Amino acid sequence: MTEITAKPLPRLDGPEAPFWAGLREGEIRVQHCVACGTPRFPASRFCPECHSDRAEWRAVEPRGEVESHCTFHKCYFPGFVGDMPYTVIQVRLDCGLRFFSNIADGGRPATGQRVAAVFEPATADVVLLKFAPEDGA
């Protein structure tokens, strides 16, 4: 594991703490409304569907589809200089939630491509969510 200290890292003690703890355990955990079951991320106090304030964190299926991707050629953070250019993908998980991430190992994404979660350690405490093609391509 390589320590990535020059790159921006998430706060692990904020409202999404259960999400980051889940990644460390190899799961994607998101809030689910106790009243109607709607999954949501990022964390919020009220359900966007039924407005209930009761929620619990549960794991979701770590698979989805690439909806979009964009390659950055300008470096906005010094820690990414060695990664230039890099590609950001938008993945719609099978549960319907969308995440912005990267293809693991710098692969080339394709819109509509099926992907599965990869849990990549960045530091001793931070695991990042990335995705890899389901077919291994």
N, C-alpha and C. Protein backbone atom coordinates (compact mmCIF):
# COMPACT_ATOMS: atom_id res chain seq x y z
N MET A 1 0.85 -1.18 0.00
CA MET A 1 0.00 0.00 0.00
C MET A 1 0.89 1.23 0.00
N THR A 2 0.60 2.16 -0.85
CA THR A 2 1.35 3.40 -0.95
C THR A 2 0.57 4.50 -0.24
N GLU A 3 1.24 5.25 0.62
CA GLU A 3 0.59 6.39 1.26
C GLU A 3 0.43 7.50 0.22
N ILE A 4 -0.80 7.98 0.05
CA ILE A 4 -1.08 9.06 -0.88
C ILE A 4 -1.37 10.29 -0.04
N THR A 5 -0.35 11.05 0.29
CA THR A 5 -0.56 12.19 1.18
C THR A 5 -0.74 13.50 0.44
N ALA A 6 -0.26 13.61 -0.79
CA ALA A 6 -0.40 14.86 -1.54
C ALA A 6 -1.80 15.02 -2.14
N LYS A 7 -2.55 13.93 -2.23
CA LYS A 7 -3.89 13.99 -2.80
C LYS A 7 -4.90 14.34 -1.71
N PRO A 8 -5.97 15.03 -2.08
CA PRO A 8 -7.00 15.33 -1.08
C PRO A 8 -7.64 14.03 -0.60
N LEU A 9 -7.85 13.95 0.70
CA LEU A 9 -8.44 12.76 1.30
C LEU A 9 -9.76 13.13 1.98
N PRO A 10 -10.68 12.17 2.10
CA PRO A 10 -11.98 12.45 2.72
C PRO A 10 -11.88 12.58 4.23
N ARG A 11 -12.86 13.26 4.80
CA ARG A 11 -13.03 13.27 6.26
C ARG A 11 -13.70 11.96 6.64
N LEU A 12 -13.12 11.27 7.57
CA LEU A 12 -13.66 9.97 7.97
C LEU A 12 -14.63 10.08 9.15
N ASP A 13 -14.74 11.25 9.75
CA ASP A 13 -15.59 11.41 10.93
C ASP A 13 -16.85 12.22 10.64
N GLY A 14 -17.14 12.48 9.39
CA GLY A 14 -18.32 13.26 9.03
C GLY A 14 -19.56 12.39 8.91
N PRO A 15 -20.61 12.93 8.29
CA PRO A 15 -21.87 12.19 8.17
C PRO A 15 -21.76 10.90 7.37
N GLU A 16 -20.75 10.80 6.50
CA GLU A 16 -20.56 9.58 5.70
C GLU A 16 -19.59 8.58 6.35
N ALA A 17 -19.32 8.73 7.63
CA ALA A 17 -18.40 7.82 8.33
C ALA A 17 -18.76 6.34 8.10
N PRO A 18 -20.04 5.94 8.13
CA PRO A 18 -20.37 4.53 7.86
C PRO A 18 -20.00 4.08 6.44
N PHE A 19 -20.06 5.00 5.48
CA PHE A 19 -19.66 4.69 4.11
C PHE A 19 -18.17 4.34 4.08
N TRP A 20 -17.34 5.20 4.68
CA TRP A 20 -15.89 4.98 4.68
C TRP A 20 -15.51 3.74 5.47
N ALA A 21 -16.21 3.48 6.56
CA ALA A 21 -15.97 2.25 7.33
C ALA A 21 -16.31 1.04 6.49
N GLY A 22 -17.39 1.12 5.72
CA GLY A 22 -17.78 0.01 4.85
C GLY A 22 -16.73 -0.27 3.79
N LEU A 23 -16.18 0.78 3.18
CA LEU A 23 -15.14 0.57 2.18
C LEU A 23 -13.95 -0.16 2.78
N ARG A 24 -13.59 0.18 4.02
CA ARG A 24 -12.47 -0.52 4.68
C ARG A 24 -12.77 -2.01 4.87
N GLU A 25 -14.06 -2.35 4.92
CA GLU A 25 -14.46 -3.75 5.09
C GLU A 25 -14.89 -4.40 3.77
N GLY A 26 -14.67 -3.71 2.64
CA GLY A 26 -15.00 -4.27 1.34
C GLY A 26 -16.47 -4.23 0.97
N GLU A 27 -17.19 -3.22 1.48
CA GLU A 27 -18.61 -3.05 1.17
C GLU A 27 -18.89 -1.61 0.78
N ILE A 28 -19.90 -1.41 -0.06
CA ILE A 28 -20.43 -0.07 -0.32
C ILE A 28 -21.68 0.06 0.55
N ARG A 29 -21.60 0.89 1.58
CA ARG A 29 -22.73 1.11 2.48
C ARG A 29 -23.33 2.49 2.21
N VAL A 30 -24.66 2.52 2.11
CA VAL A 30 -25.37 3.77 1.89
C VAL A 30 -26.56 3.82 2.84
N GLN A 31 -27.08 5.01 3.04
CA GLN A 31 -28.27 5.16 3.87
C GLN A 31 -29.46 4.56 3.14
N HIS A 32 -30.34 3.93 3.91
CA HIS A 32 -31.63 3.45 3.40
C HIS A 32 -32.71 4.00 4.33
N CYS A 33 -33.77 4.49 3.75
CA CYS A 33 -34.90 4.98 4.54
C CYS A 33 -35.57 3.80 5.23
N VAL A 34 -35.77 3.90 6.52
CA VAL A 34 -36.44 2.83 7.27
C VAL A 34 -37.92 2.76 6.88
N ALA A 35 -38.52 3.89 6.54
CA ALA A 35 -39.95 3.93 6.22
C ALA A 35 -40.27 3.37 4.83
N CYS A 36 -39.48 3.77 3.81
CA CYS A 36 -39.84 3.36 2.44
C CYS A 36 -38.76 2.55 1.73
N GLY A 37 -37.57 2.44 2.34
CA GLY A 37 -36.50 1.62 1.77
C GLY A 37 -35.65 2.29 0.71
N THR A 38 -35.90 3.55 0.39
CA THR A 38 -35.14 4.24 -0.65
C THR A 38 -33.67 4.41 -0.23
N PRO A 39 -32.74 3.96 -1.08
CA PRO A 39 -31.32 4.19 -0.76
C PRO A 39 -30.94 5.62 -1.11
N ARG A 40 -29.97 6.18 -0.37
CA ARG A 40 -29.51 7.53 -0.67
C ARG A 40 -28.05 7.71 -0.28
N PHE A 41 -27.39 8.52 -1.07
CA PHE A 41 -26.02 8.93 -0.81
C PHE A 41 -25.78 10.19 -1.62
N PRO A 42 -25.17 11.21 -1.04
CA PRO A 42 -24.56 11.26 0.28
C PRO A 42 -25.62 11.26 1.38
N ALA A 43 -25.12 11.17 2.62
CA ALA A 43 -26.00 11.12 3.77
C ALA A 43 -26.85 12.39 3.85
N SER A 44 -28.08 12.21 4.27
CA SER A 44 -28.95 13.36 4.49
C SER A 44 -29.91 13.04 5.62
N ARG A 45 -30.44 14.07 6.23
CA ARG A 45 -31.31 13.86 7.39
C ARG A 45 -32.67 13.29 7.00
N PHE A 46 -33.19 13.72 5.83
CA PHE A 46 -34.52 13.30 5.43
C PHE A 46 -34.49 12.52 4.12
N CYS A 47 -35.39 11.57 4.00
CA CYS A 47 -35.54 10.78 2.78
C CYS A 47 -36.09 11.68 1.67
N PRO A 48 -35.49 11.65 0.48
CA PRO A 48 -36.01 12.49 -0.61
C PRO A 48 -37.34 12.00 -1.17
N GLU A 49 -37.73 10.76 -0.85
CA GLU A 49 -38.99 10.21 -1.37
C GLU A 49 -40.16 10.45 -0.41
N CYS A 50 -39.99 10.03 0.88
CA CYS A 50 -41.12 10.10 1.82
C CYS A 50 -40.89 11.09 2.96
N HIS A 51 -39.71 11.68 3.01
CA HIS A 51 -39.35 12.71 3.99
C HIS A 51 -39.21 12.18 5.42
N SER A 52 -39.13 10.88 5.59
CA SER A 52 -38.90 10.31 6.92
C SER A 52 -37.49 10.70 7.38
N ASP A 53 -37.33 10.82 8.69
CA ASP A 53 -36.00 11.11 9.24
C ASP A 53 -35.35 9.85 9.83
N ARG A 54 -35.91 8.70 9.54
CA ARG A 54 -35.35 7.44 10.05
C ARG A 54 -34.57 6.75 8.94
N ALA A 55 -33.30 6.47 9.20
CA ALA A 55 -32.45 5.84 8.19
C ALA A 55 -31.49 4.87 8.86
N GLU A 56 -31.02 3.92 8.07
CA GLU A 56 -29.99 2.99 8.53
C GLU A 56 -29.01 2.79 7.37
N TRP A 57 -27.78 2.43 7.72
CA TRP A 57 -26.75 2.19 6.71
C TRP A 57 -26.70 0.70 6.40
N ARG A 58 -26.81 0.37 5.11
CA ARG A 58 -26.75 -1.02 4.67
C ARG A 58 -25.88 -1.14 3.42
N ALA A 59 -25.33 -2.32 3.24
CA ALA A 59 -24.51 -2.58 2.04
C ALA A 59 -25.42 -2.74 0.83
N VAL A 60 -24.92 -2.29 -0.32
CA VAL A 60 -25.62 -2.47 -1.59
C VAL A 60 -24.73 -3.31 -2.51
N GLU A 61 -25.34 -3.83 -3.54
CA GLU A 61 -24.61 -4.62 -4.53
C GLU A 61 -23.52 -3.75 -5.15
N PRO A 62 -22.27 -4.21 -5.15
CA PRO A 62 -21.16 -3.38 -5.63
C PRO A 62 -20.94 -3.43 -7.13
N ARG A 63 -22.02 -3.42 -7.90
CA ARG A 63 -21.92 -3.49 -9.35
C ARG A 63 -22.80 -2.42 -9.97
N GLY A 64 -22.43 -2.05 -11.19
CA GLY A 64 -23.22 -1.05 -11.89
C GLY A 64 -22.75 -0.88 -13.32
N GLU A 65 -23.09 0.28 -13.87
CA GLU A 65 -22.80 0.56 -15.27
C GLU A 65 -22.21 1.96 -15.40
N VAL A 66 -21.21 2.10 -16.25
CA VAL A 66 -20.63 3.41 -16.53
C VAL A 66 -21.65 4.21 -17.34
N GLU A 67 -22.06 5.35 -16.79
CA GLU A 67 -23.00 6.21 -17.50
C GLU A 67 -22.29 7.29 -18.30
N SER A 68 -21.13 7.71 -17.81
CA SER A 68 -20.40 8.78 -18.46
C SER A 68 -18.95 8.75 -17.99
N HIS A 69 -18.08 9.40 -18.75
CA HIS A 69 -16.69 9.52 -18.32
C HIS A 69 -16.08 10.76 -18.94
N CYS A 70 -15.06 11.29 -18.26
CA CYS A 70 -14.40 12.52 -18.70
C CYS A 70 -12.92 12.42 -18.35
N THR A 71 -12.06 12.75 -19.30
CA THR A 71 -10.63 12.71 -19.06
C THR A 71 -10.12 14.13 -18.78
N PHE A 72 -9.43 14.27 -17.65
CA PHE A 72 -8.86 15.56 -17.25
C PHE A 72 -7.43 15.66 -17.75
N HIS A 73 -7.13 16.76 -18.42
CA HIS A 73 -5.79 17.01 -18.92
C HIS A 73 -5.13 18.16 -18.16
N LYS A 74 -5.90 18.88 -17.35
CA LYS A 74 -5.37 19.94 -16.51
C LYS A 74 -5.34 19.43 -15.07
N CYS A 75 -4.24 19.70 -14.39
CA CYS A 75 -4.08 19.23 -13.01
C CYS A 75 -4.60 20.28 -12.03
N TYR A 76 -5.62 19.92 -11.25
CA TYR A 76 -6.20 20.84 -10.28
C TYR A 76 -5.62 20.65 -8.88
N PHE A 77 -5.01 19.50 -8.61
CA PHE A 77 -4.39 19.21 -7.32
C PHE A 77 -2.98 18.70 -7.57
N PRO A 78 -1.97 19.25 -6.90
CA PRO A 78 -0.59 18.82 -7.13
C PRO A 78 -0.38 17.32 -6.98
N GLY A 79 -1.13 16.67 -6.12
CA GLY A 79 -0.97 15.24 -5.90
C GLY A 79 -1.33 14.38 -7.10
N PHE A 80 -1.99 14.96 -8.10
CA PHE A 80 -2.41 14.19 -9.27
C PHE A 80 -1.47 14.35 -10.46
N VAL A 81 -0.39 15.11 -10.30
CA VAL A 81 0.53 15.36 -11.41
C VAL A 81 0.98 14.05 -12.06
N GLY A 82 1.34 13.06 -11.26
CA GLY A 82 1.82 11.79 -11.80
C GLY A 82 0.74 10.95 -12.46
N ASP A 83 -0.52 11.32 -12.28
CA ASP A 83 -1.63 10.55 -12.87
C ASP A 83 -2.13 11.16 -14.18
N MET A 84 -1.62 12.30 -14.56
CA MET A 84 -2.14 13.03 -15.73
C MET A 84 -1.86 12.28 -17.03
N PRO A 85 -2.78 12.29 -17.98
CA PRO A 85 -4.18 12.65 -17.77
C PRO A 85 -4.88 11.52 -17.00
N TYR A 86 -5.98 11.85 -16.32
CA TYR A 86 -6.73 10.82 -15.60
C TYR A 86 -8.21 10.94 -15.96
N THR A 87 -8.90 9.83 -15.84
CA THR A 87 -10.30 9.75 -16.24
C THR A 87 -11.20 9.56 -15.02
N VAL A 88 -12.26 10.33 -14.97
CA VAL A 88 -13.29 10.22 -13.93
C VAL A 88 -14.52 9.60 -14.59
N ILE A 89 -15.11 8.62 -13.91
CA ILE A 89 -16.31 7.97 -14.44
C ILE A 89 -17.50 8.24 -13.54
N GLN A 90 -18.68 8.22 -14.13
CA GLN A 90 -19.93 8.24 -13.36
C GLN A 90 -20.53 6.86 -13.49
N VAL A 91 -20.69 6.20 -12.34
CA VAL A 91 -21.25 4.85 -12.32
C VAL A 91 -22.61 4.89 -11.66
N ARG A 92 -23.57 4.28 -12.33
CA ARG A 92 -24.89 4.10 -11.73
C ARG A 92 -24.93 2.67 -11.19
N LEU A 93 -24.94 2.55 -9.85
CA LEU A 93 -25.00 1.23 -9.24
C LEU A 93 -26.35 0.58 -9.54
N ASP A 94 -26.40 -0.73 -9.41
CA ASP A 94 -27.64 -1.45 -9.67
C ASP A 94 -28.78 -1.01 -8.76
N CYS A 95 -28.45 -0.44 -7.57
CA CYS A 95 -29.48 0.06 -6.66
C CYS A 95 -30.01 1.42 -7.10
N GLY A 96 -29.39 2.03 -8.14
CA GLY A 96 -29.86 3.30 -8.68
C GLY A 96 -29.03 4.51 -8.28
N LEU A 97 -28.18 4.38 -7.30
CA LEU A 97 -27.35 5.50 -6.87
C LEU A 97 -26.17 5.71 -7.81
N ARG A 98 -25.75 6.96 -7.92
CA ARG A 98 -24.62 7.30 -8.79
C ARG A 98 -23.41 7.69 -7.96
N PHE A 99 -22.24 7.26 -8.43
CA PHE A 99 -20.97 7.62 -7.80
C PHE A 99 -20.01 8.10 -8.87
N PHE A 100 -19.19 9.07 -8.52
CA PHE A 100 -18.07 9.48 -9.37
C PHE A 100 -16.84 8.77 -8.84
N SER A 101 -16.03 8.21 -9.74
CA SER A 101 -14.88 7.43 -9.31
C SER A 101 -13.89 7.34 -10.47
N ASN A 102 -13.08 6.30 -10.42
CA ASN A 102 -12.09 6.03 -11.46
C ASN A 102 -12.13 4.55 -11.80
N ILE A 103 -11.63 4.22 -12.98
CA ILE A 103 -11.43 2.82 -13.35
C ILE A 103 -10.14 2.37 -12.66
N ALA A 104 -10.18 1.25 -11.98
CA ALA A 104 -9.00 0.72 -11.31
C ALA A 104 -7.91 0.44 -12.33
N ASP A 105 -6.68 0.65 -11.94
CA ASP A 105 -5.50 0.40 -12.78
C ASP A 105 -5.47 1.26 -14.03
N GLY A 106 -6.20 2.39 -14.02
CA GLY A 106 -6.13 3.32 -15.15
C GLY A 106 -6.70 2.79 -16.45
N GLY A 107 -7.57 1.80 -16.40
CA GLY A 107 -8.17 1.26 -17.62
C GLY A 107 -8.97 2.30 -18.38
N ARG A 108 -9.43 1.90 -19.55
CA ARG A 108 -10.22 2.80 -20.40
C ARG A 108 -11.69 2.46 -20.28
N PRO A 109 -12.51 3.38 -19.79
CA PRO A 109 -13.93 3.10 -19.63
C PRO A 109 -14.71 3.25 -20.93
N ALA A 110 -15.86 2.65 -20.96
CA ALA A 110 -16.79 2.80 -22.09
C ALA A 110 -18.19 3.00 -21.52
N THR A 111 -18.92 3.95 -22.08
CA THR A 111 -20.29 4.16 -21.65
C THR A 111 -21.08 2.88 -21.85
N GLY A 112 -21.85 2.49 -20.83
CA GLY A 112 -22.63 1.26 -20.88
C GLY A 112 -21.88 0.04 -20.36
N GLN A 113 -20.61 0.19 -20.08
CA GLN A 113 -19.79 -0.93 -19.60
C GLN A 113 -20.20 -1.33 -18.19
N ARG A 114 -20.34 -2.64 -17.96
CA ARG A 114 -20.62 -3.16 -16.63
C ARG A 114 -19.33 -3.16 -15.81
N VAL A 115 -19.44 -2.69 -14.56
CA VAL A 115 -18.27 -2.61 -13.69
C VAL A 115 -18.61 -3.14 -12.30
N ALA A 116 -17.57 -3.54 -11.59
CA ALA A 116 -17.69 -4.02 -10.21
C ALA A 116 -16.74 -3.21 -9.34
N ALA A 117 -17.12 -3.03 -8.09
CA ALA A 117 -16.33 -2.24 -7.15
C ALA A 117 -14.97 -2.87 -6.89
N VAL A 118 -13.99 -2.00 -6.73
CA VAL A 118 -12.64 -2.37 -6.29
C VAL A 118 -12.35 -1.46 -5.11
N PHE A 119 -11.88 -2.04 -4.01
CA PHE A 119 -11.61 -1.28 -2.80
C PHE A 119 -10.10 -1.09 -2.69
N GLU A 120 -9.65 0.14 -2.97
CA GLU A 120 -8.22 0.42 -3.11
C GLU A 120 -7.70 1.21 -1.92
N PRO A 121 -6.82 0.60 -1.10
CA PRO A 121 -6.25 1.34 0.04
C PRO A 121 -5.42 2.53 -0.45
N ALA A 122 -5.64 3.70 0.15
CA ALA A 122 -4.88 4.90 -0.17
C ALA A 122 -3.92 5.23 0.97
N THR A 123 -4.38 5.03 2.21
CA THR A 123 -3.56 5.21 3.40
C THR A 123 -3.95 4.08 4.35
N ALA A 124 -3.37 4.08 5.53
CA ALA A 124 -3.71 3.06 6.52
C ALA A 124 -5.19 3.14 6.93
N ASP A 125 -5.79 4.33 6.84
CA ASP A 125 -7.18 4.52 7.27
C ASP A 125 -8.17 4.73 6.14
N VAL A 126 -7.70 5.11 4.96
CA VAL A 126 -8.60 5.47 3.86
C VAL A 126 -8.55 4.43 2.75
N VAL A 127 -9.73 3.90 2.42
CA VAL A 127 -9.88 3.01 1.27
C VAL A 127 -10.77 3.74 0.28
N LEU A 128 -10.32 3.78 -0.97
CA LEU A 128 -11.07 4.47 -2.02
C LEU A 128 -11.89 3.49 -2.83
N LEU A 129 -13.04 3.94 -3.30
CA LEU A 129 -13.92 3.15 -4.15
C LEU A 129 -13.56 3.40 -5.61
N LYS A 130 -13.12 2.37 -6.30
CA LYS A 130 -12.86 2.44 -7.73
C LYS A 130 -13.65 1.31 -8.38
N PHE A 131 -13.61 1.24 -9.69
CA PHE A 131 -14.36 0.21 -10.41
C PHE A 131 -13.49 -0.44 -11.47
N ALA A 132 -13.79 -1.70 -11.73
CA ALA A 132 -13.10 -2.45 -12.78
C ALA A 132 -14.15 -3.11 -13.67
N PRO A 133 -13.85 -3.27 -14.95
CA PRO A 133 -14.81 -3.94 -15.84
C PRO A 133 -15.15 -5.34 -15.30
N GLU A 134 -16.43 -5.70 -15.35
CA GLU A 134 -16.84 -7.02 -14.86
C GLU A 134 -16.23 -8.14 -15.69
N ASP A 135 -16.03 -7.89 -16.98
CA ASP A 135 -15.50 -8.95 -17.83
C ASP A 135 -13.98 -9.03 -17.79
N GLY A 136 -13.37 -8.16 -16.96
CA GLY A 136 -11.92 -8.16 -16.85
C GLY A 136 -11.21 -7.45 -17.98
N ALA A 137 -11.96 -6.84 -18.89
CA ALA A 137 -11.34 -6.15 -20.05
C ALA A 137 -10.76 -4.82 -19.65
